[in-house]
Amino acid sequence: MFNRPDKTTVARFSPALLLGASLLLAGCQSTNPADEMGYQSQAFYDRYPIKVAKAPIKVGVVAKSGSLRPEQVNAVVNFARDARDNAQSRVAIKWPSGSAKSRQVAIDIAQLLVDEGVPQSMIKATSYPGGATEPIQMSFERKVAVTRECGDWSQNLANDSSNGPYPNFGCAYQNNIAALVANPEDFEHPRATSPVLASNRTEVMKVFIKNSTAGDYWSFDGTRKSGG
């Protein structure tokens, strides 16, 4: 017959029982370092994520004669259009303080920026120590798409039994996408849809129904027509 233990016996063995249970639970836990680190994605777009950051855009123009050459005008115009559409900061123009001609060219550059649609309030012109041979510096910050640099060849591809992607896999693809994207903000949020032209959509649906319906169908004006 089973004898029920008294309270003294239970109190004596309770600490030992708790210690044994703790050891059993500890033995059930995994000692795999990968499990402790969590899930490691094998997808290249997770290992080389494309992020949006701000970076400076800089252009230098040397005009010792005191005027811009035609190709320099084109370069300033392209710079101005980029600043108008993408600038995330003020547009800085710096001319060498030791050249009066460079100062005049800086004024002409500022006027070109305004003519191309850059608000005058966004333009900041200052000087820096230098002579006539130093360039007139133009710069602003814009958003760019960036990702990690390539070149991780730490893994021996000739001796790999994991059957997984090597560390550098997908890096060039992600860097090319980041370099080619027209608007880096597309990685942050989708663009707004353009407005729908209801009249065009109605005409397209008429053509679709007419050419895809084998039997009779009801038209937009409520009449029944033959699709054959």
Foldseek 3Di string as FASTA:
>chain_A
DDDDDDPVVCVVCVVVVVVVVVVVVVVPDDPDVDVVVPDDDQDLCVLWPKDKDKDKDKDWAQDLVLEDDPVRLVVLLVVLLCCQVFFPAAKEKEFAPAHPSRVSHSVVSLVSSVVSPDDNVRYDYYYDHDHNRGTTMIMGMGMFIDIDDADPPVDDPVDDPPPGDDSRPPVVVSHVCRVPDPHVCCVVDNDDDDDDDVVVVLVVVVVVCLAPDQAWDAHPVGDIDGSD
